[in-house]
Amino acid sequence: MPSDTDTDPQLGNAPEYSVSEISGALKRMVEDQFGHVRVRGEIGRVSRPASGHIYLDLKDDRAVLSGVIWKGNAARMATKPEQGLEVIATGRLTTFPGQSKYQIVIESIEPAGVGALMALLEQRRKQLAAEGLFDSDRKKPLPYLPGVIGVVTSPSGAVIRDILHRLRDRFPRHVLIWPTRVQGETAAAEVAAGIRGFNALEPGGKIPRPDLIIVARGGGSVEDLWPFNEEVVVRAAADSAIPLISAVGHETDTTLIDFASDLRAPTPTAAAEHAVPVRADLVAQVMDMATRQHRVMTRRLDKARQDVRSLARALPRPERLLEMQRQRLDVTTERLAGQRARMFLERRNALTSWSGRLEARRPQAQLAQSRKDLDALGERLIRRRGTAIEQARRALEPQSARLPRVFEQHMAKAKQRLEQSARILISLSHEGVLERGFALALDGKGKLISSSDAARAAGPFALEFARGDRVTVLATDGKPVAIAAKGKPASKRKGQGELF
């Protein structure tokens, strides 16, 4: 009976190969064509498992070639493969049928220059460091036990599960997750927005503000971790007012956010360990400190009791302390009794002596003596008064004889000065002026008129001449008319006439 292949005209006579046959054929062909090659490229991901072999990627701007260095060659190599290093790898190409990929088995490596990505990374690091974003004085201390922890990472990866699991084991805390992409073109902007978003939360608000921020991502190649080298992420981490831990990649991976953060953790799990202490350790530490405190207090109390007992043994008995004082009190009491008797005797003798003196000086005798003294003093005063009066009379007699003569001389001089003053007064008086032909203008009230305006305002006025003659002046139709009138004789003014 013919098979299906014989009846299918499209297959023809093409042979059938198993997967192993195809893989083996490809392996032989690749190894035959590329038995010894030199490949230039930049080292990307580097993996060092416990077996001692080294697995890495060689890449350029368009392709990636997997490579492996067996344990023996890895130990003999002078240049150790590092991520970002541009090298020339010498080896042979082969295939790995288990994953349907080809790779180079590297026998030696020599450096060929710094890779493009690493050169860009170094240039950016120097630029940001020059701005002071990586200075140690900008680093903030981490809180010992934060109440709320904010995590900026992918919510679906294993990183957040590792962090939460580690926090539950050590010290459960309230965790806020800001979901972001951690790889790709938009990852850098999302991570920076997460950092700034946590800082923008108000303390005491509806959403609690974190006391600590963790930016976390798992391991990967330089390209995978590149969002954490972007300037927007680095500046957001440096400007964060909340302490920040960076946990990006594995221990050998280094990104620029590690320099700007307050603490760099080698892995996300290590970040959780740095974030909180171990609760069991704290409880044990507190219990240990309480036990130590109890022991110390017990030892101090025991020592204090022992010191008190030692001091008590060294102290004398209270009765012995009082014996000496009692004896001194008895001796002092006896001395006081003898001194009191002597003091009373001395006071009695003194009182008797003063009584005798007072008897000799009775008040009646003192009054009689005082009267005698006063009488004698009065007689002496009377004699002294008569003598003083007589002496004063004798001294006044020459003065009284000179007094009339001196008085007459003073009166003559005064009369002479007065007459001279009278003559001066008369010569300076207005009457002397009137004698020379002048007159005084007086209004109706007898007040002096000193101007023509005052004369017009006064109406009828009088002209006074020498010896008291007056003429009244009237105005008729604006023209003055004089009416003669004999006035009374001029009265004697003060300062004129007879003086004596």
Protein backbone atom coordinates (compact mmCIF):
# COMPACT_ATOMS: atom_id res chain seq x y z
CA MET A 1 0.00 0.00 0.00
CA PRO A 2 1.62 3.33 -1.01
CA SER A 3 2.42 5.92 1.65
CA ASP A 4 1.03 9.45 1.85
CA THR A 5 4.35 10.88 0.67
CA ASP A 6 4.20 8.90 -2.48
CA THR A 7 0.78 10.31 -3.26
CA ASP A 8 1.69 13.98 -2.47
CA PRO A 9 3.21 15.49 -5.63
CA GLN A 10 4.34 18.70 -3.79
CA LEU A 11 6.87 16.88 -1.50
CA GLY A 12 8.51 14.97 -4.26
CA ASN A 13 11.61 13.02 -3.20
CA ALA A 14 12.79 15.51 -0.40
CA PRO A 15 14.37 13.54 2.44
CA GLU A 16 13.05 13.78 6.01
CA TYR A 17 15.37 14.98 8.83
CA SER A 18 14.88 14.78 12.52
CA VAL A 19 15.53 17.82 14.74
CA SER A 20 18.75 16.31 16.01
CA GLU A 21 19.94 15.61 12.46
CA ILE A 22 19.32 19.21 11.38
CA SER A 23 21.00 20.58 14.55
CA GLY A 24 24.01 18.31 14.06
CA ALA A 25 24.32 19.25 10.39
CA LEU A 26 24.19 22.96 11.23
CA LYS A 27 26.74 22.48 13.99
CA ARG A 28 29.20 20.74 11.68
CA MET A 29 28.72 23.34 8.96
CA VAL A 30 29.26 26.29 11.29
CA GLU A 31 32.29 24.74 12.94
CA ASP A 32 33.79 23.85 9.55
CA GLN A 33 33.27 27.33 8.08
CA PHE A 34 34.23 29.31 11.20
CA GLY A 35 36.71 27.06 12.95
CA HIS A 36 38.89 30.00 14.03
CA VAL A 37 37.56 33.61 14.08
CA ARG A 38 38.29 36.99 15.66
CA VAL A 39 35.20 39.01 16.57
CA ARG A 40 35.17 42.68 17.66
CA GLY A 41 32.30 43.93 19.79
CA GLU A 42 31.14 45.39 23.06
CA ILE A 43 30.60 43.11 26.01
CA GLY A 44 27.02 43.31 27.20
CA ARG A 45 25.55 40.97 29.80
CA VAL A 46 28.14 38.97 31.77
CA SER A 47 27.11 35.96 33.86
CA ARG A 48 29.37 33.98 36.21
CA PRO A 49 27.57 30.87 37.54
CA ALA A 50 28.95 28.67 40.29
CA SER A 51 30.41 26.27 37.72
CA GLY A 52 33.19 28.74 36.95
CA HIS A 53 32.27 29.23 33.28
CA ILE A 54 31.55 32.74 31.97
CA TYR A 55 28.63 33.52 29.71
CA LEU A 56 28.47 36.87 27.93
CA ASP A 57 27.10 38.78 24.96
CA LEU A 58 29.13 40.45 22.22
CA LYS A 59 27.18 43.18 20.45
CA ASP A 60 27.36 46.07 18.11
CA ASP A 61 24.68 48.50 16.97
CA ARG A 62 22.82 45.87 14.90
CA ALA A 63 23.38 42.35 16.29
CA VAL A 64 24.18 40.32 19.40
CA LEU A 65 26.43 37.23 19.53
CA SER A 66 26.35 34.94 22.56
CA GLY A 67 29.67 33.79 23.92
CA VAL A 68 31.02 31.32 26.45
CA ILE A 69 34.39 31.02 28.17
CA TRP A 70 35.04 27.66 29.72
CA LYS A 71 36.39 27.50 33.23
CA GLY A 72 39.97 26.58 32.22
CA ASN A 73 40.35 29.47 29.76
CA ALA A 74 38.65 31.93 32.14
CA ALA A 75 41.25 31.29 34.84
CA ARG A 76 44.16 31.87 32.40
CA MET A 77 42.86 35.09 30.80
CA ALA A 78 44.79 38.29 31.60
CA THR A 79 41.84 40.53 30.61
CA LYS A 80 38.72 39.78 32.59
CA PRO A 81 35.47 40.38 30.70
CA GLU A 82 33.55 43.38 32.07
CA GLN A 83 30.28 44.81 30.90
CA GLY A 84 30.70 47.75 28.51
CA LEU A 85 34.24 46.86 27.52
CA GLU A 86 34.93 46.79 23.79
CA VAL A 87 37.09 43.75 23.02
CA ILE A 88 38.43 41.47 20.28
CA ALA A 89 37.47 37.89 21.10
CA THR A 90 39.33 34.99 19.52
CA GLY A 91 37.69 31.56 19.32
CA ARG A 92 35.49 29.30 17.25
CA LEU A 93 31.83 29.43 16.33
CA THR A 94 29.52 26.60 17.27
CA THR A 95 25.86 25.99 17.94
CA PHE A 96 23.88 25.08 21.03
CA PRO A 97 21.15 22.69 19.89
CA GLY A 98 19.35 22.83 23.22
CA GLN A 99 18.31 26.47 22.51
CA SER A 100 18.67 26.57 18.71
CA LYS A 101 21.27 29.34 18.82
CA TYR A 102 24.82 29.84 17.72
CA GLN A 103 27.61 31.12 19.91
CA ILE A 104 31.34 31.69 20.03
CA VAL A 105 33.56 29.66 22.30
CA ILE A 106 36.10 32.28 23.36
CA GLU A 107 39.70 31.26 23.90
CA SER A 108 41.22 34.74 24.50
CA ILE A 109 40.15 38.33 24.90
CA GLU A 110 42.04 41.53 24.30
CA PRO A 111 40.65 45.04 24.87
CA ALA A 112 39.70 47.07 21.81
CA GLY A 113 38.41 50.31 23.46
CA VAL A 114 35.56 51.51 25.58
CA GLY A 115 32.10 50.72 24.31
CA ALA A 116 29.82 53.41 22.94
CA LEU A 117 27.21 53.01 25.64
CA MET A 118 29.74 52.99 28.43
CA ALA A 119 31.49 56.06 26.98
CA LEU A 120 28.16 57.89 26.94
CA LEU A 121 27.47 56.71 30.47
CA GLU A 122 30.85 57.94 31.72
CA GLN A 123 30.41 61.32 30.06
CA ARG A 124 26.98 61.78 31.66
CA ARG A 125 28.30 60.68 35.03
CA LYS A 126 31.06 63.30 34.94
CA GLN A 127 28.61 66.01 33.89
CA LEU A 128 26.16 65.28 36.71
CA ALA A 129 28.97 64.88 39.23
CA ALA A 130 30.29 68.32 38.27
CA GLU A 131 26.86 69.76 39.16
CA GLY A 132 27.18 68.29 42.65
CA LEU A 133 24.33 65.78 42.34
CA PHE A 134 26.53 62.99 43.69
CA ASP A 135 28.09 64.91 46.62
CA SER A 136 28.14 63.06 49.91
CA ASP A 137 26.78 66.06 51.85
CA ARG A 138 23.51 65.68 49.91
CA LYS A 139 22.99 62.18 51.29
CA LYS A 140 20.15 61.97 53.82
CA PRO A 141 20.14 59.45 56.67
CA LEU A 142 17.61 56.65 56.39
CA PRO A 143 14.87 56.46 59.04
CA TYR A 144 15.50 53.67 61.53
CA LEU A 145 11.94 52.34 61.32
CA PRO A 146 9.86 54.00 58.57
CA GLY A 147 6.10 53.92 59.01
CA VAL A 148 5.34 53.96 55.26
CA ILE A 149 7.62 52.72 52.46
CA GLY A 150 7.09 53.74 48.82
CA VAL A 151 8.31 51.36 46.11
CA VAL A 152 8.77 52.49 42.49
CA THR A 153 8.90 49.33 40.33
CA SER A 154 6.90 47.09 38.05
CA PRO A 155 3.89 45.65 39.92
CA SER A 156 4.00 42.37 37.98
CA GLY A 157 7.65 41.41 38.36
CA ALA A 158 9.38 39.25 40.93
CA VAL A 159 11.09 42.29 42.44
CA ILE A 160 8.07 43.59 44.31
CA ARG A 161 7.26 40.11 45.59
CA ASP A 162 10.81 39.73 46.92
CA ILE A 163 10.61 43.12 48.65
CA LEU A 164 7.22 42.45 50.25
CA HIS A 165 8.28 38.99 51.34
CA ARG A 166 11.48 40.34 52.90
CA LEU A 167 9.60 43.13 54.70
CA ARG A 168 7.10 40.62 56.12
CA ASP A 169 9.94 38.46 57.41
CA ARG A 170 11.85 41.34 59.01
CA PHE A 171 9.34 43.98 60.13
CA PRO A 172 5.93 44.37 58.40
CA ARG A 173 5.36 47.93 57.22
CA HIS A 174 2.74 49.84 55.21
CA VAL A 175 3.95 49.70 51.56
CA LEU A 176 2.77 51.97 48.72
CA ILE A 177 3.56 50.81 45.17
CA TRP A 178 3.95 53.28 42.31
CA PRO A 179 3.60 51.03 39.21
CA THR A 180 6.00 51.87 36.39
CA ARG A 181 7.71 50.26 33.45
CA VAL A 182 11.32 49.44 34.22
CA GLN A 183 12.42 48.83 30.63
CA GLY A 184 11.71 50.58 27.36
CA GLU A 185 11.43 54.08 26.03
CA THR A 186 8.88 55.39 28.58
CA ALA A 187 10.46 53.72 31.62
CA ALA A 188 12.70 56.67 32.57
CA ALA A 189 9.85 59.22 32.56
CA GLU A 190 7.59 56.89 34.57
CA VAL A 191 10.26 56.20 37.22
CA ALA A 192 11.01 59.94 37.59
CA ALA A 193 7.27 60.65 37.87
CA GLY A 194 6.97 58.01 40.60
CA ILE A 195 9.77 59.59 42.67
CA ARG A 196 8.34 63.09 42.30
CA GLY A 197 4.81 61.82 42.93
CA PHE A 198 5.75 60.34 46.31
CA ASN A 199 7.47 63.61 47.26
CA ALA A 200 4.38 65.60 46.25
CA LEU A 201 2.13 63.80 48.76
CA GLU A 202 1.16 66.00 51.72
CA PRO A 203 2.02 64.73 55.22
CA GLY A 204 -1.12 63.69 57.03
CA GLY A 205 -3.16 63.54 53.81
CA LYS A 206 -5.61 60.92 52.64
CA ILE A 207 -2.74 58.96 51.07
CA PRO A 208 0.10 58.70 53.58
CA ARG A 209 3.42 60.22 52.55
CA PRO A 210 6.25 57.64 52.52
CA ASP A 211 9.11 57.95 54.98
CA LEU A 212 11.39 56.02 52.60
CA ILE A 213 11.43 55.34 48.82
CA ILE A 214 12.87 52.24 47.12
CA VAL A 215 13.50 52.28 43.36
CA ALA A 216 13.93 48.65 42.33
CA ARG A 217 14.47 46.52 39.22
CA GLY A 218 15.92 43.10 38.53
CA GLY A 219 19.11 42.37 36.62
CA GLY A 220 19.61 42.74 32.90
CA SER A 221 21.88 44.01 30.18
CA VAL A 222 23.12 47.57 29.86
CA GLU A 223 20.33 48.29 27.42
CA ASP A 224 17.73 46.90 29.83
CA LEU A 225 19.03 49.02 32.71
CA TRP A 226 19.59 52.14 30.61
CA PRO A 227 16.41 54.00 31.81
CA PHE A 228 18.05 54.29 35.24
CA ASN A 229 20.99 56.09 33.61
CA GLU A 230 18.75 58.77 32.11
CA GLU A 231 19.24 62.32 33.38
CA VAL A 232 15.56 62.79 34.31
CA VAL A 233 15.71 59.82 36.71
CA VAL A 234 19.01 60.91 38.25
CA ARG A 235 17.77 64.46 38.87
CA ALA A 236 14.52 63.21 40.39
CA ALA A 237 16.47 60.99 42.79
CA ALA A 238 18.85 63.83 43.73
CA ASP A 239 15.96 66.27 44.34
CA SER A 240 13.97 63.83 46.49
CA ALA A 241 13.28 65.21 49.95
CA ILE A 242 12.42 61.67 51.09
CA PRO A 243 15.41 59.35 51.66
CA LEU A 244 15.81 57.04 48.65
CA ILE A 245 17.37 53.58 48.19
CA SER A 246 18.32 52.44 44.69
CA ALA A 247 18.15 48.69 44.07
CA VAL A 248 18.64 48.34 40.30
CA GLY A 249 20.09 45.15 38.82
CA HIS A 250 22.44 42.76 40.56
CA GLU A 251 25.50 43.48 42.66
CA THR A 252 27.76 43.92 39.62
CA ASP A 253 25.36 46.29 37.85
CA THR A 254 25.93 50.01 38.36
CA THR A 255 23.66 52.79 37.15
CA LEU A 256 23.74 56.57 37.64
CA ILE A 257 20.78 56.50 40.04
CA ASP A 258 23.05 54.61 42.44
CA PHE A 259 25.28 57.72 42.74
CA ALA A 260 22.35 60.11 43.28
CA SER A 261 20.47 57.95 45.81
CA ASP A 262 21.03 58.13 49.55
CA LEU A 263 21.92 54.43 49.65
CA ARG A 264 22.70 51.86 46.98
CA ALA A 265 21.54 48.30 47.62
CA PRO A 266 23.08 45.44 45.57
CA THR A 267 19.68 43.74 45.12
CA PRO A 268 16.00 44.58 45.77
CA THR A 269 16.03 42.06 48.62
CA ALA A 270 19.00 43.86 50.17
CA ALA A 271 17.08 47.14 49.83
CA ALA A 272 14.28 45.72 51.97
CA GLU A 273 16.86 44.60 54.51
CA HIS A 274 18.33 48.11 54.66
CA ALA A 275 14.85 49.65 54.94
CA VAL A 276 13.73 48.01 58.18
CA PRO A 277 15.41 46.18 61.05
CA VAL A 278 14.55 42.62 62.06
CA ARG A 279 11.62 42.75 64.46
CA ALA A 280 12.64 39.55 66.19
CA ASP A 281 16.13 40.93 66.68
CA LEU A 282 14.69 44.13 68.15
CA VAL A 283 12.44 42.18 70.50
CA ALA A 284 15.37 39.98 71.52
CA GLN A 285 17.55 43.06 71.95
CA VAL A 286 14.93 44.74 74.12
CA MET A 287 14.49 41.60 76.17
CA ASP A 288 18.25 41.27 76.51
CA MET A 289 18.58 44.91 77.57
CA ALA A 290 15.75 44.49 80.06
CA THR A 291 17.45 41.40 81.49
CA ARG A 292 20.77 43.21 81.66
CA GLN A 293 19.13 46.18 83.30
CA HIS A 294 17.49 43.90 85.88
CA ARG A 295 20.81 42.24 86.59
CA VAL A 296 22.61 45.56 86.90
CA MET A 297 19.96 46.95 89.25
CA THR A 298 20.04 43.76 91.30
CA ARG A 299 23.84 43.90 91.58
CA ARG A 300 23.73 47.58 92.53
CA LEU A 301 21.08 46.94 95.18
CA ASP A 302 23.05 43.99 96.57
CA LYS A 303 26.19 46.08 96.66
CA ALA A 304 24.33 48.94 98.32
CA ARG A 305 22.95 46.55 100.98
CA GLN A 306 26.43 45.18 101.57
CA ASP A 307 27.86 48.69 101.89
CA VAL A 308 25.15 49.62 104.38
CA ARG A 309 25.87 46.53 106.44
CA SER A 310 29.61 47.28 106.39
CA LEU A 311 29.02 50.87 107.47
CA ALA A 312 26.59 49.73 110.15
CA ARG A 313 29.21 47.40 111.62
CA ALA A 314 31.74 50.24 111.71
CA LEU A 315 29.36 52.63 113.48
CA PRO A 316 29.34 52.65 117.33
CA ARG A 317 26.21 51.89 119.31
CA PRO A 318 23.93 54.90 119.97
CA GLU A 319 24.13 54.32 123.76
CA ARG A 320 27.91 54.72 123.66
CA LEU A 321 27.64 57.91 121.71
CA LEU A 322 25.28 59.34 124.33
CA GLU A 323 27.34 58.28 127.36
CA MET A 324 30.01 60.92 126.85
CA GLN A 325 27.43 63.60 126.16
CA ARG A 326 25.48 62.69 129.30
CA GLN A 327 28.64 63.04 131.38
CA ARG A 328 29.44 66.40 129.87
CA LEU A 329 25.89 67.54 130.56
CA ASP A 330 26.18 66.57 134.24
CA VAL A 331 29.50 68.40 134.66
CA THR A 332 28.13 71.50 132.94
CA THR A 333 25.00 71.44 135.13
CA GLU A 334 27.11 71.37 138.30
CA ARG A 335 29.23 74.25 137.05
CA LEU A 336 26.14 76.29 136.20
CA ALA A 337 24.70 75.75 139.69
CA GLY A 338 27.93 77.07 141.35
CA GLN A 339 28.18 80.01 138.95
CA ARG A 340 24.53 80.90 139.61
CA ALA A 341 25.11 81.09 143.37
CA ARG A 342 28.21 83.25 142.90
CA MET A 343 26.33 85.50 140.46
CA PHE A 344 23.48 86.03 142.95
CA LEU A 345 25.97 86.93 145.68
CA GLU A 346 27.76 89.42 143.46
CA ARG A 347 24.45 91.02 142.44
CA ARG A 348 23.36 91.28 146.10
CA ASN A 349 26.61 93.00 147.09
CA ALA A 350 26.34 95.40 144.18
CA LEU A 351 22.74 96.22 145.11
CA THR A 352 23.77 96.95 148.69
CA SER A 353 26.53 99.28 147.50
CA TRP A 354 24.15 101.21 145.23
CA SER A 355 21.59 101.50 148.03
CA GLY A 356 24.19 103.22 150.25
CA ARG A 357 25.07 105.64 147.48
CA LEU A 358 21.44 106.48 146.84
CA GLU A 359 20.88 107.07 150.55
CA ALA A 360 23.73 109.58 150.54
CA ARG A 361 22.23 111.31 147.52
CA ARG A 362 18.61 111.81 148.56
CA PRO A 363 16.39 114.17 146.45
CA GLN A 364 15.86 116.74 149.22
CA ALA A 365 19.58 117.27 149.66
CA GLN A 366 20.07 117.54 145.91
CA LEU A 367 17.26 120.11 145.62
CA ALA A 368 18.70 122.26 148.40
CA GLN A 369 22.10 122.22 146.77
CA SER A 370 20.55 123.17 143.42
CA ARG A 371 18.74 126.16 145.00
CA LYS A 372 21.97 127.44 146.49
CA ASP A 373 23.69 127.15 143.17
CA LEU A 374 20.87 129.04 141.42
CA ASP A 375 20.88 131.88 143.97
CA ALA A 376 24.61 132.33 143.59
CA LEU A 377 24.30 132.32 139.81
CA GLY A 378 21.47 134.96 139.95
CA GLU A 379 23.57 137.32 142.07
CA ARG A 380 26.45 137.02 139.64
CA LEU A 381 24.17 137.82 136.72
CA ILE A 382 22.76 140.93 138.44
CA ARG A 383 26.25 142.25 139.12
CA ARG A 384 27.35 141.55 135.53
CA ARG A 385 24.21 143.25 134.10
CA GLY A 386 24.83 146.53 136.02
CA THR A 387 28.41 146.58 134.89
CA ALA A 388 27.42 145.99 131.25
CA ILE A 389 24.80 148.80 131.31
CA GLU A 390 27.27 151.26 132.76
CA GLN A 391 29.83 150.42 130.13
CA ALA A 392 27.27 150.84 127.33
CA ARG A 393 26.20 154.27 128.70
CA ARG A 394 29.76 155.48 128.74
CA ALA A 395 30.28 154.30 125.15
CA LEU A 396 27.08 156.08 123.90
CA GLU A 397 27.76 159.52 125.41
CA PRO A 398 30.36 160.61 122.78
CA GLN A 399 28.13 159.35 120.01
CA SER A 400 25.06 161.23 121.28
CA ALA A 401 27.08 164.48 121.38
CA ARG A 402 28.07 164.09 117.72
CA LEU A 403 24.57 163.11 116.51
CA PRO A 404 22.97 166.69 116.17
CA ARG A 405 25.95 168.01 114.27
CA VAL A 406 25.97 165.07 111.86
CA PHE A 407 22.19 165.36 111.34
CA GLU A 408 22.43 169.06 110.40
CA GLN A 409 25.19 168.30 107.89
CA HIS A 410 23.08 165.56 106.26
CA MET A 411 20.02 167.88 106.09
CA ALA A 412 21.99 170.68 104.42
CA LYS A 413 23.38 168.35 101.77
CA ALA A 414 19.92 166.92 101.09
CA LYS A 415 18.36 170.43 100.74
CA GLN A 416 21.08 171.41 98.31
CA ARG A 417 20.49 168.29 96.15
CA LEU A 418 16.71 168.88 96.20
CA GLU A 419 16.96 172.52 95.06
CA GLN A 420 19.27 171.53 92.26
CA SER A 421 16.81 168.85 91.11
CA ALA A 422 13.92 171.35 91.21
CA ARG A 423 15.74 173.76 88.96
CA ILE A 424 16.42 170.98 86.45
CA LEU A 425 12.76 169.90 86.57
CA ILE A 426 11.47 173.38 85.91
CA SER A 427 13.82 173.84 82.97
CA LEU A 428 12.67 170.54 81.44
CA SER A 429 8.89 170.95 82.09
CA HIS A 430 6.37 171.77 79.31
CA GLU A 431 5.47 175.07 80.95
CA GLY A 432 8.91 176.36 80.15
CA VAL A 433 8.26 175.39 76.54
CA LEU A 434 4.87 177.22 76.59
CA GLU A 435 6.62 180.36 77.86
CA ARG A 436 8.56 180.38 74.60
CA GLY A 437 5.34 180.67 72.50
CA PHE A 438 4.19 177.08 72.12
CA ALA A 439 0.70 175.67 72.99
CA LEU A 440 -0.83 172.28 73.86
CA ALA A 441 -3.75 170.83 71.85
CA LEU A 442 -6.24 169.02 74.13
CA ASP A 443 -9.47 167.21 73.21
CA GLY A 444 -12.72 167.40 75.12
CA LYS A 445 -11.46 164.88 77.72
CA GLY A 446 -8.24 166.80 78.31
CA LYS A 447 -6.05 164.30 76.50
CA LEU A 448 -3.14 165.48 74.39
CA ILE A 449 -3.69 165.64 70.58
CA SER A 450 -0.51 164.66 68.77
CA SER A 451 -1.58 164.62 65.05
CA SER A 452 -3.83 166.44 62.58
CA ASP A 453 -5.96 163.33 62.09
CA ALA A 454 -6.58 163.15 65.83
CA ALA A 455 -7.52 166.89 65.79
CA ARG A 456 -10.10 166.37 63.01
CA ALA A 457 -11.53 163.37 64.81
CA ALA A 458 -11.77 165.23 68.13
CA GLY A 459 -14.07 168.02 66.85
CA PRO A 460 -13.83 171.11 69.05
CA PHE A 461 -10.51 171.15 70.88
CA ALA A 462 -8.66 173.55 73.13
CA LEU A 463 -5.26 175.23 72.88
CA GLU A 464 -3.55 175.81 76.19
CA PHE A 465 -0.88 178.53 76.47
CA ALA A 466 1.43 179.64 79.22
CA ARG A 467 -0.09 180.57 82.61
CA GLY A 468 -3.14 178.36 81.88
CA ASP A 469 -4.80 180.46 79.17
CA ARG A 470 -6.95 178.36 76.84
CA VAL A 471 -8.56 178.99 73.47
CA THR A 472 -11.33 176.72 72.13
CA VAL A 473 -11.17 175.98 68.40
CA LEU A 474 -14.37 175.13 66.50
CA ALA A 475 -14.79 174.03 62.88
CA THR A 476 -17.48 175.75 60.74
CA ASP A 477 -17.96 174.55 57.14
CA GLY A 478 -14.63 172.80 57.37
CA LYS A 479 -12.81 175.99 58.47
CA PRO A 480 -11.45 176.36 61.99
CA VAL A 481 -12.77 179.32 64.05
CA ALA A 482 -10.98 180.37 67.22
CA ILE A 483 -12.97 181.58 70.21
CA ALA A 484 -10.91 183.21 72.89
CA ALA A 485 -11.63 182.16 76.41
CA LYS A 486 -9.83 183.00 79.60
CA GLY A 487 -8.87 179.82 81.25
CA LYS A 488 -8.28 179.18 84.87
CA PRO A 489 -4.85 179.74 86.20
CA ALA A 490 -2.64 176.73 85.56
CA SER A 491 -2.62 174.33 88.43
CA LYS A 492 0.62 173.50 90.05
CA ARG A 493 1.99 170.32 88.61
CA LYS A 494 3.94 167.77 90.53
CA GLY A 495 7.53 168.74 90.68
CA GLN A 496 6.79 172.52 90.51
CA GLY A 497 6.03 175.30 93.12
CA GLU A 498 7.42 175.50 96.58
CA LEU A 499 9.29 172.53 97.80
CA PHE A 500 9.57 173.55 101.48
